[in-house]
């Protein structure tokens, strides 16, 4: 028994030695693993803390920048105070003054201001929803980027008769839209607007308010296109603060995101999202026809030609009936006024002769002055924004012909006066193609 037991002792000794070694080694291995896990956890913890801090810092910086920009841009209180002071002093008047300053039934809502001198807000006027626009300084003349003069409301001066005011209006319109044969009709429209309380008389404060509004591109365009569906209806004014009807859907396509999301959405995904949030193709065709009709109305219209110098989709919207509406007309200006001012602009390269986003002329290097003729007509620029809008989802039986006509349209160059027949042919062909495709559907109504 003892021998047998002794004979097996070497193996047992080996096992005992292994166990002892394992017990000796295991605490060291365990310690090293624990240290490794602790180090890795500390690294991950530090990295998490670093990125959390970075997100908080960047987010705080963006919020600060946006808040600073908002507080600098959005000065609706200053605008309201300025108008009400002038109203109570008897300097200005208009149908919106009492509601803004006395009854307090005209309220400024969300701020959409992009330029400090032109305040833009959603708003409510009693039961009506609208958009409120106000000039903190005098309405900009067609100065193509020059400095804006301080607000004065000094014209017309005390003692001016209605006939003298009418003459002032006609002379002003002549410098903007050119010497048209029917300027007297347009002046009559202005005088009708000036009589805000419809008492048959134009007071001096009403005349001053109307004169200030007449300097604005949007107000002038609304008068020129009166009776058409392309511009939001003027609801009222007080000085050069005015209220227009709310447009239900804007921009032309896409979706408006909160600024905090807009910062982080990649450009490629943003373009895809713009296509997701659009009406059905027949409704897009109806909206597109509206844009083509707008181009037709401002091209050699009743009161001369207008140039569309910002043709981005954000400039346009549409109502519940899918009628196109101009959201921002400050860059739609009379061709005569544009040509008169651009001739005086000094240049060294063609890019110096750009107004807005789209109105480009060439530079005459012999005189270092800009030439008056734009290089691309309104129609070519309209077709450029319609290309991405209307080709997406187009029915197969029209997509090929539609694409061909749109690219022919985009290729239009040179002065419209020199290519009037081609311009009209391209425009009519596009309208006809779209209308034939949707005229039998309920979406055309």
Protein backbone atom coordinates (compact mmCIF):
# COMPACT_ATOMS: atom_id res chain seq x y z
CA UNK A 1 0.00 0.00 0.00
CA UNK A 2 2.79 2.31 0.96
CA UNK A 3 4.84 1.24 -2.06
CA UNK A 4 1.93 1.74 -4.37
CA UNK A 5 1.32 5.05 -2.88
CA UNK A 6 4.96 6.01 -3.20
CA UNK A 7 5.11 4.73 -6.77
CA UNK A 8 2.34 7.22 -7.77
CA UNK A 9 3.85 10.18 -5.95
CA UNK A 10 5.86 11.63 -8.86
CA UNK A 11 2.66 12.27 -10.88
CA UNK A 12 0.93 13.60 -7.87
CA UNK A 13 3.92 15.78 -7.23
CA UNK A 14 3.73 17.11 -10.73
CA UNK A 15 0.04 17.87 -10.27
CA UNK A 16 0.73 19.50 -6.96
CA UNK A 17 3.51 21.56 -8.46
CA UNK A 18 1.24 22.61 -11.36
CA UNK A 19 -1.51 23.55 -8.97
CA UNK A 20 0.87 25.50 -6.84
CA UNK A 21 2.31 27.22 -9.92
CA UNK A 22 -1.17 27.97 -11.22
CA UNK A 23 -2.12 29.46 -7.88
CA UNK A 24 1.05 31.49 -7.98
CA UNK A 25 0.64 32.63 -11.58
CA UNK A 26 -3.14 33.22 -11.56
CA UNK A 27 -3.12 36.28 -9.28
CA UNK A 28 -0.55 37.93 -11.57
CA UNK A 29 -2.54 37.15 -14.72
CA UNK A 30 -5.72 38.26 -13.04
CA UNK A 31 -4.11 41.48 -11.94
CA UNK A 32 -2.81 42.15 -15.42
CA UNK A 33 -6.23 41.46 -16.94
CA UNK A 34 -7.89 43.69 -14.41
CA UNK A 35 -5.38 46.44 -15.09
CA UNK A 36 -5.90 45.98 -18.85
CA UNK A 37 -9.69 46.14 -18.47
CA UNK A 38 -9.39 49.16 -16.20
CA UNK A 39 -7.07 50.89 -18.67
CA UNK A 40 -9.39 50.12 -21.57
CA UNK A 41 -12.38 51.31 -19.57
CA UNK A 42 -10.53 54.48 -18.63
CA UNK A 43 -9.63 55.06 -22.29
CA UNK A 44 -13.21 54.55 -23.41
CA UNK A 45 -14.42 56.69 -20.54
CA UNK A 46 -12.02 59.47 -21.46
CA UNK A 47 -12.92 59.22 -25.13
CA UNK A 48 -16.62 59.34 -24.26
CA UNK A 49 -16.06 62.36 -22.04
CA UNK A 50 -13.99 64.07 -24.74
CA UNK A 51 -16.61 63.59 -27.46
CA UNK A 52 -19.41 64.53 -25.08
CA UNK A 53 -17.55 67.71 -24.21
CA UNK A 54 -16.88 68.36 -27.91
CA UNK A 55 -20.58 67.92 -28.79
CA UNK A 56 -21.62 70.22 -25.95
CA UNK A 57 -19.02 72.81 -26.96
CA UNK A 58 -19.90 72.76 -30.68
CA UNK A 59 -23.62 72.73 -29.91
CA UNK A 60 -23.27 75.65 -27.50
CA UNK A 61 -21.23 77.57 -30.05
CA UNK A 62 -23.83 76.99 -32.77
CA UNK A 63 -26.65 78.04 -30.41
CA UNK A 64 -24.70 81.17 -29.44
CA UNK A 65 -23.97 82.10 -33.07
CA UNK A 66 -27.57 81.48 -34.11
CA UNK A 67 -28.95 83.41 -31.15
CA UNK A 68 -26.58 86.30 -31.84
CA UNK A 69 -27.60 86.29 -35.50
CA UNK A 70 -31.28 86.10 -34.51
CA UNK A 71 -31.03 88.99 -32.07
CA UNK A 72 -29.18 91.10 -34.66
CA UNK A 73 -31.53 90.22 -37.52
CA UNK A 74 -34.92 90.00 -35.83
CA UNK A 75 -35.84 93.48 -34.64
CA UNK A 76 -39.59 93.42 -35.07
CA UNK A 77 -40.13 95.37 -31.83
CA UNK A 78 -37.99 98.23 -33.19
CA UNK A 79 -39.92 98.16 -36.44
CA UNK A 80 -43.30 98.28 -34.69
CA UNK A 81 -42.14 101.05 -32.34
CA UNK A 82 -40.84 103.13 -35.25
CA UNK A 83 -44.08 102.83 -37.23
CA UNK A 84 -46.29 103.58 -34.23
CA UNK A 85 -44.30 106.68 -33.25
CA UNK A 86 -44.68 108.07 -36.79
CA UNK A 87 -48.37 107.10 -36.87
CA UNK A 88 -49.13 108.90 -33.59
CA UNK A 89 -47.20 111.94 -34.80
CA UNK A 90 -49.39 112.01 -37.94
CA UNK A 91 -46.48 111.37 -40.31
CA UNK A 92 -47.85 108.11 -41.78
CA UNK A 93 -51.18 106.31 -41.98
CA UNK A 94 -52.71 103.18 -43.44
CA UNK A 95 -55.35 100.51 -42.82
CA UNK A 96 -53.01 98.50 -40.58
CA UNK A 97 -51.88 101.38 -38.32
CA UNK A 98 -54.77 101.32 -35.87
CA UNK A 99 -54.60 97.52 -35.53
CA UNK A 100 -50.84 97.61 -34.99
CA UNK A 101 -50.61 100.54 -32.59
CA UNK A 102 -54.00 101.08 -30.90
CA UNK A 103 -56.10 97.92 -30.98
CA UNK A 104 -53.08 95.56 -30.89
CA UNK A 105 -54.85 93.04 -33.13
CA UNK A 106 -51.95 92.84 -35.60
CA UNK A 107 -49.35 90.52 -34.07
CA UNK A 108 -45.84 89.63 -35.24
CA UNK A 109 -45.07 85.91 -34.99
CA UNK A 110 -42.12 83.80 -36.14
CA UNK A 111 -39.13 85.68 -37.59
CA UNK A 112 -38.00 84.88 -41.15
CA UNK A 113 -35.70 87.87 -41.55
CA UNK A 114 -32.62 87.39 -43.75
CA UNK A 115 -31.49 91.04 -43.96
CA UNK A 116 -31.55 93.49 -41.03
CA UNK A 117 -33.15 96.33 -43.01
CA UNK A 118 -36.07 94.17 -44.21
CA UNK A 119 -37.90 92.51 -41.32
CA UNK A 120 -40.10 89.52 -42.24
CA UNK A 121 -42.47 87.77 -39.82
CA UNK A 122 -45.40 85.44 -39.87
CA UNK A 123 -48.32 87.19 -38.29
CA UNK A 124 -52.00 87.35 -37.53
CA UNK A 125 -54.42 90.19 -38.09
CA UNK A 126 -57.61 89.37 -36.29
CA UNK A 127 -58.79 86.14 -37.94
CA UNK A 128 -56.43 86.52 -40.91
CA UNK A 129 -53.03 84.84 -41.16
CA UNK A 130 -50.41 86.69 -43.15
CA UNK A 131 -46.79 87.69 -43.59
CA UNK A 132 -45.65 91.04 -42.19
CA UNK A 133 -42.78 92.90 -43.84
CA UNK A 134 -41.23 96.08 -42.52
CA UNK A 135 -38.39 98.36 -43.57
CA UNK A 136 -36.28 99.51 -40.64
CA UNK A 137 -34.66 102.04 -42.95
CA UNK A 138 -35.95 103.71 -46.07
CA UNK A 139 -36.96 101.24 -48.76
CA UNK A 140 -33.96 100.51 -50.97
CA UNK A 141 -33.93 102.21 -54.32
CA UNK A 142 -32.65 100.21 -57.28
CA UNK A 143 -29.08 100.87 -56.24
CA UNK A 144 -27.72 97.38 -57.05
CA UNK A 145 -25.97 96.95 -53.75
CA UNK A 146 -25.38 100.59 -52.79
CA UNK A 147 -26.02 102.04 -49.35
CA UNK A 148 -29.61 102.52 -48.22
CA UNK A 149 -30.59 106.01 -47.21
CA UNK A 150 -32.12 106.69 -43.79
CA UNK A 151 -35.90 106.62 -43.47
CA UNK A 152 -37.49 110.04 -43.67
CA UNK A 153 -41.09 109.81 -44.96
CA UNK A 154 -40.50 113.37 -46.14
CA UNK A 155 -42.22 112.95 -49.52
CA UNK A 156 -44.61 114.25 -50.53
CA UNK A 157 -44.14 117.45 -48.56
CA UNK A 158 -46.85 119.43 -46.86
CA UNK A 159 -48.91 121.45 -49.31
CA UNK A 160 -48.60 118.96 -52.20
CA UNK A 161 -51.86 118.60 -54.09
CA UNK A 162 -53.28 115.28 -55.31
CA UNK A 163 -52.50 116.29 -58.91
CA UNK A 164 -48.92 117.09 -57.97
CA UNK A 165 -48.68 113.74 -56.17
CA UNK A 166 -50.02 111.99 -59.27
CA UNK A 167 -47.31 113.70 -61.33
CA UNK A 168 -44.68 112.55 -58.80
CA UNK A 169 -45.94 108.98 -59.15
CA UNK A 170 -45.87 109.04 -62.95
CA UNK A 171 -42.32 110.43 -63.02
CA UNK A 172 -41.18 107.81 -60.52
CA UNK A 173 -42.78 104.99 -62.50
CA UNK A 174 -41.21 106.31 -65.69
CA UNK A 175 -37.72 105.93 -64.18
CA UNK A 176 -38.52 102.36 -63.10
CA UNK A 177 -40.51 100.75 -65.90
CA UNK A 178 -39.66 103.11 -68.75
CA UNK A 179 -41.81 105.51 -70.71
CA UNK A 180 -44.86 103.29 -71.19
CA UNK A 181 -47.98 104.57 -72.94
CA UNK A 182 -50.25 103.44 -70.08
CA UNK A 183 -48.36 104.83 -67.08
CA UNK A 184 -51.44 106.90 -66.24
CA UNK A 185 -53.39 103.66 -65.61
CA UNK A 186 -50.70 102.39 -63.25
CA UNK A 187 -50.65 105.74 -61.44
CA UNK A 188 -54.43 105.45 -60.98
CA UNK A 189 -53.92 102.04 -59.32
CA UNK A 190 -51.37 103.59 -56.97
CA UNK A 191 -53.74 106.41 -56.00
CA UNK A 192 -56.54 103.90 -55.38
CA UNK A 193 -54.23 102.01 -53.01
CA UNK A 194 -53.22 105.25 -51.30
CA UNK A 195 -56.82 105.97 -50.28
CA UNK A 196 -56.56 103.43 -47.47
CA UNK A 197 -59.81 104.30 -45.66
CA UNK A 198 -61.78 104.54 -48.93
CA UNK A 199 -63.19 107.98 -48.11
CA UNK A 200 -62.45 109.38 -51.55
CA UNK A 201 -59.61 111.58 -50.27
CA UNK A 202 -55.87 111.00 -49.91
CA UNK A 203 -54.40 112.46 -46.74
CA UNK A 204 -50.76 113.50 -46.47
CA UNK A 205 -49.89 110.56 -44.12
CA UNK A 206 -51.54 108.12 -46.58
CA UNK A 207 -49.59 109.65 -49.46
CA UNK A 208 -46.28 109.37 -47.56
CA UNK A 209 -46.93 105.70 -46.76
CA UNK A 210 -47.80 104.95 -50.38
CA UNK A 211 -44.72 106.78 -51.66
CA UNK A 212 -42.50 104.72 -49.36
CA UNK A 213 -44.15 101.48 -50.47
CA UNK A 214 -43.78 102.46 -54.11
CA UNK A 215 -39.99 102.21 -53.76
CA UNK A 216 -40.28 98.47 -53.04
CA UNK A 217 -39.92 95.91 -55.82
CA UNK A 218 -42.53 93.63 -54.26
CA UNK A 219 -45.15 96.36 -53.95
CA UNK A 220 -44.52 97.61 -57.48
CA UNK A 221 -44.73 94.07 -58.90
CA UNK A 222 -48.01 93.44 -57.04
CA UNK A 223 -49.48 96.55 -58.70
CA UNK A 224 -48.21 95.51 -62.12
CA UNK A 225 -49.59 91.97 -61.74
CA UNK A 226 -52.83 93.04 -60.11
CA UNK A 227 -55.55 90.58 -61.06
CA UNK A 228 -53.10 87.73 -61.61
CA UNK A 229 -52.56 84.87 -59.15
CA UNK A 230 -48.77 84.99 -58.89
CA UNK A 231 -48.23 87.51 -56.10
CA UNK A 232 -49.70 87.29 -52.58
CA UNK A 233 -52.60 89.70 -52.03
CA UNK A 234 -51.83 92.93 -50.16
CA UNK A 235 -53.94 92.98 -46.98
CA UNK A 236 -52.89 96.35 -45.59
CA UNK A 237 -50.05 98.68 -44.66
CA UNK A 238 -48.81 101.23 -42.15
CA UNK A 239 -45.99 103.36 -43.47
CA UNK A 240 -43.69 100.94 -45.27
CA UNK A 241 -44.77 98.07 -43.03
CA UNK A 242 -47.20 95.95 -44.99
CA UNK A 243 -49.13 92.69 -44.63
CA UNK A 244 -49.63 90.16 -47.43
CA UNK A 245 -51.61 86.93 -47.44
CA UNK A 246 -49.90 83.80 -46.16
CA UNK A 247 -48.73 81.30 -48.77
CA UNK A 248 -49.57 77.80 -47.56
CA UNK A 249 -46.55 75.92 -48.91
CA UNK A 250 -42.99 77.07 -49.37
CA UNK A 251 -40.37 76.66 -50.67
CA UNK A 252 -41.33 75.42 -54.14
CA UNK A 253 -40.15 71.94 -53.21
CA UNK A 254 -38.46 70.35 -50.27
CA UNK A 255 -39.05 70.76 -46.57
CA UNK A 256 -38.04 73.50 -44.17
CA UNK A 257 -35.95 72.01 -41.37
CA UNK A 258 -35.13 73.61 -38.01
CA UNK A 259 -31.73 75.29 -38.25
CA UNK A 260 -30.18 72.88 -35.71
CA UNK A 261 -31.00 69.95 -38.04
CA UNK A 262 -30.08 71.84 -41.22
CA UNK A 263 -26.48 72.16 -39.99
CA UNK A 264 -25.98 68.40 -39.71
CA UNK A 265 -27.84 67.11 -42.81
CA UNK A 266 -25.37 66.30 -45.65
CA UNK A 267 -25.98 68.09 -48.95
CA UNK A 268 -26.64 64.83 -50.83
CA UNK A 269 -29.26 63.70 -48.33
CA UNK A 270 -30.79 67.18 -48.35
CA UNK A 271 -31.30 66.98 -52.14
CA UNK A 272 -32.98 63.59 -51.76
CA UNK A 273 -35.22 64.90 -49.01
CA UNK A 274 -36.23 67.80 -51.26
CA UNK A 275 -37.55 65.29 -53.77
CA UNK A 276 -39.41 63.26 -51.14
CA UNK A 277 -41.52 66.20 -49.99
CA UNK A 278 -43.18 67.23 -53.25
CA UNK A 279 -46.76 66.96 -54.53
CA UNK A 280 -47.83 64.37 -57.09
CA UNK A 281 -46.47 64.85 -60.62
CA UNK A 282 -49.72 66.32 -62.07
CA UNK A 283 -49.74 68.91 -59.27
CA UNK A 284 -46.06 69.67 -59.88
CA UNK A 285 -46.96 70.17 -63.55
CA UNK A 286 -49.68 72.68 -62.57
CA UNK A 287 -47.23 74.60 -60.35
CA UNK A 288 -44.65 74.56 -63.17
CA UNK A 289 -47.20 76.00 -65.60
CA UNK A 290 -47.76 78.77 -63.04
CA UNK A 291 -44.05 79.62 -63.06
CA UNK A 292 -44.00 79.70 -66.87
CA UNK A 293 -47.04 82.00 -66.84
CA UNK A 294 -45.27 84.30 -64.37
CA UNK A 295 -42.28 84.50 -66.72
CA UNK A 296 -44.70 85.30 -69.54
CA UNK A 297 -46.42 88.04 -67.50
CA UNK A 298 -43.20 89.86 -66.59
CA UNK A 299 -41.74 89.52 -70.11
CA UNK A 300 -42.95 92.49 -72.15
CA UNK A 301 -46.04 92.75 -69.96
CA UNK A 302 -48.59 95.51 -69.64
CA UNK A 303 -46.15 97.85 -67.91
CA UNK A 304 -42.82 96.83 -69.44
CA UNK A 305 -40.39 93.98 -68.76
CA UNK A 306 -39.12 92.81 -65.39
CA UNK A 307 -35.96 90.81 -64.68
CA UNK A 308 -36.02 87.89 -62.26
CA UNK A 309 -32.65 88.04 -60.53
CA UNK A 310 -33.10 85.25 -57.98
CA UNK A 311 -34.68 82.11 -59.40
CA UNK A 312 -34.00 79.75 -56.50
CA UNK A 313 -36.78 77.41 -55.41
CA UNK A 314 -36.93 79.24 -52.07
CA UNK A 315 -38.22 82.35 -53.87
CA UNK A 316 -41.49 80.62 -54.75
CA UNK A 317 -44.29 78.76 -53.00
CA UNK A 318 -47.85 77.67 -53.73
CA UNK A 319 -51.28 77.75 -52.11
CA UNK A 320 -53.77 74.98 -51.33
CA UNK A 321 -55.02 75.11 -54.94
CA UNK A 322 -51.42 74.65 -56.12
CA UNK A 323 -51.26 78.08 -57.72
CA UNK A 324 -47.69 79.39 -57.82
CA UNK A 325 -46.95 82.41 -55.61
CA UNK A 326 -43.89 84.65 -55.47
CA UNK A 327 -42.59 84.53 -51.88
CA UNK A 328 -39.88 87.19 -52.24
CA UNK A 329 -40.01 89.74 -55.04
CA UNK A 330 -37.19 92.02 -53.95
CA UNK A 331 -35.02 90.66 -56.78
CA UNK A 332 -37.71 90.99 -59.46
CA UNK A 333 -37.12 94.48 -60.79
CA UNK A 334 -37.97 96.53 -63.86
CA UNK A 335 -35.58 96.01 -66.74
CA UNK A 336 -35.38 99.76 -67.44
CA UNK A 337 -34.25 100.52 -63.87
CA UNK A 338 -31.77 97.63 -63.93
CA UNK A 339 -30.20 98.75 -67.20
CA UNK A 340 -29.94 102.37 -66.09
CA UNK A 341 -28.11 101.42 -62.90
CA UNK A 342 -25.91 98.58 -64.18
CA UNK A 343 -24.44 100.84 -66.89
CA UNK A 344 -22.92 102.97 -64.14
CA UNK A 345 -21.25 100.07 -62.38
CA UNK A 346 -17.47 99.78 -62.78
CA UNK A 347 -16.05 96.35 -63.62
CA UNK A 348 -12.85 94.48 -64.48
CA UNK A 349 -14.38 91.06 -65.18
CA UNK A 350 -17.88 89.86 -66.08
CA UNK A 351 -18.45 88.61 -62.52
CA UNK A 352 -18.41 92.24 -61.34
CA UNK A 353 -21.64 92.73 -63.30
CA UNK A 354 -23.77 90.32 -61.24
CA UNK A 355 -26.92 91.47 -59.45
CA UNK A 356 -28.76 89.14 -57.14
CA UNK A 357 -28.02 85.49 -57.85
CA UNK A 358 -28.86 85.36 -61.56
CA UNK A 359 -28.73 88.69 -63.41
CA UNK A 360 -25.32 88.77 -65.06
CA UNK A 361 -24.18 91.09 -67.84
CA UNK A 362 -20.79 91.35 -69.53
CA UNK A 363 -18.01 93.82 -68.78
CA UNK A 364 -16.95 96.29 -71.49
CA UNK A 365 -13.19 96.31 -70.88
CA UNK A 366 -12.65 99.38 -73.06
CA UNK A 367 -14.77 101.49 -70.67
CA UNK A 368 -14.62 99.27 -67.58
CA UNK A 369 -18.38 99.56 -67.33
CA UNK A 370 -21.06 96.86 -67.30
CA UNK A 371 -23.18 96.40 -70.40
CA UNK A 372 -26.97 96.61 -69.91
CA UNK A 373 -28.11 93.31 -71.48
CA UNK A 374 -28.34 90.21 -69.25
CA UNK A 375 -26.69 87.07 -70.62
CA UNK A 376 -29.58 84.73 -69.74
CA UNK A 377 -33.30 85.50 -70.05
CA UNK A 378 -35.82 84.77 -67.29
CA UNK A 379 -37.13 81.70 -69.11
CA UNK A 380 -33.76 79.92 -69.20
CA UNK A 381 -33.35 80.44 -65.44
CA UNK A 382 -36.91 79.23 -64.76
CA UNK A 383 -36.30 76.05 -66.76
CA UNK A 384 -33.10 75.46 -64.78
CA UNK A 385 -35.01 75.15 -61.50
CA UNK A 386 -37.86 73.22 -63.14
CA UNK A 387 -35.45 70.58 -64.47
CA UNK A 388 -34.94 68.88 -61.10
CA UNK A 389 -38.53 69.57 -60.08
CA UNK A 390 -40.62 68.33 -62.99
CA UNK A 391 -38.45 65.60 -64.53
CA UNK A 392 -38.49 63.57 -61.31
CA UNK A 393 -41.40 61.15 -61.58
CA UNK A 394 -42.51 62.35 -65.03
CA UNK A 395 -44.73 59.87 -66.94
CA UNK A 396 -42.78 57.76 -69.44
CA UNK A 397 -44.78 58.98 -72.43
CA UNK A 398 -43.69 62.60 -71.87
CA UNK A 399 -40.39 62.37 -69.99
CA UNK A 400 -38.14 62.21 -73.07
CA UNK A 401 -39.83 65.11 -74.88
CA UNK A 402 -40.06 67.12 -71.66
CA UNK A 403 -36.35 66.67 -70.98
CA UNK A 404 -35.47 67.76 -74.53
CA UNK A 405 -37.63 70.89 -74.30
CA UNK A 406 -36.26 71.82 -70.88
CA UNK A 407 -32.66 71.57 -72.08
CA UNK A 408 -33.50 73.64 -75.18
CA UNK A 409 -34.99 76.20 -72.81
CA UNK A 410 -31.96 76.20 -70.49
CA UNK A 411 -29.70 76.80 -73.50
CA UNK A 412 -31.41 80.13 -74.34
CA UNK A 413 -28.87 82.96 -74.30
CA UNK A 414 -28.59 86.60 -75.21
CA UNK A 415 -31.02 89.48 -75.20
CA UNK A 416 -34.69 88.53 -75.17
CA UNK A 417 -35.39 91.39 -77.58
CA UNK A 418 -33.17 89.70 -80.19
CA UNK A 419 -34.77 86.28 -79.75
CA UNK A 420 -38.37 87.10 -78.90
CA UNK A 421 -39.89 84.59 -81.32
CA UNK A 422 -37.70 81.72 -80.09
CA UNK A 423 -38.43 82.66 -76.48
CA UNK A 424 -42.20 82.61 -77.07
CA UNK A 425 -42.02 79.34 -79.03
CA UNK A 426 -40.07 77.50 -76.31
CA UNK A 427 -42.36 78.82 -73.57
CA UNK A 428 -45.56 77.91 -75.41
CA UNK A 429 -44.30 74.43 -76.30
CA UNK A 430 -43.50 73.68 -72.67
CA UNK A 431 -46.85 74.96 -71.41
CA UNK A 432 -48.70 72.97 -74.09
CA UNK A 433 -46.85 69.74 -73.32
CA UNK A 434 -47.57 69.96 -69.60
CA UNK A 435 -51.14 71.13 -70.00
CA UNK A 436 -52.06 68.35 -72.45
CA UNK A 437 -50.83 65.78 -69.93
CA UNK A 438 -52.88 67.08 -66.99
CA UNK A 439 -55.87 68.86 -68.61
CA UNK A 440 -58.08 65.78 -68.28
CA UNK A 441 -57.25 65.21 -64.60
CA UNK A 442 -58.87 66.68 -61.50
CA UNK A 443 -55.45 68.15 -60.58
CA UNK A 444 -55.75 70.72 -63.39
CA UNK A 445 -58.60 72.52 -61.63
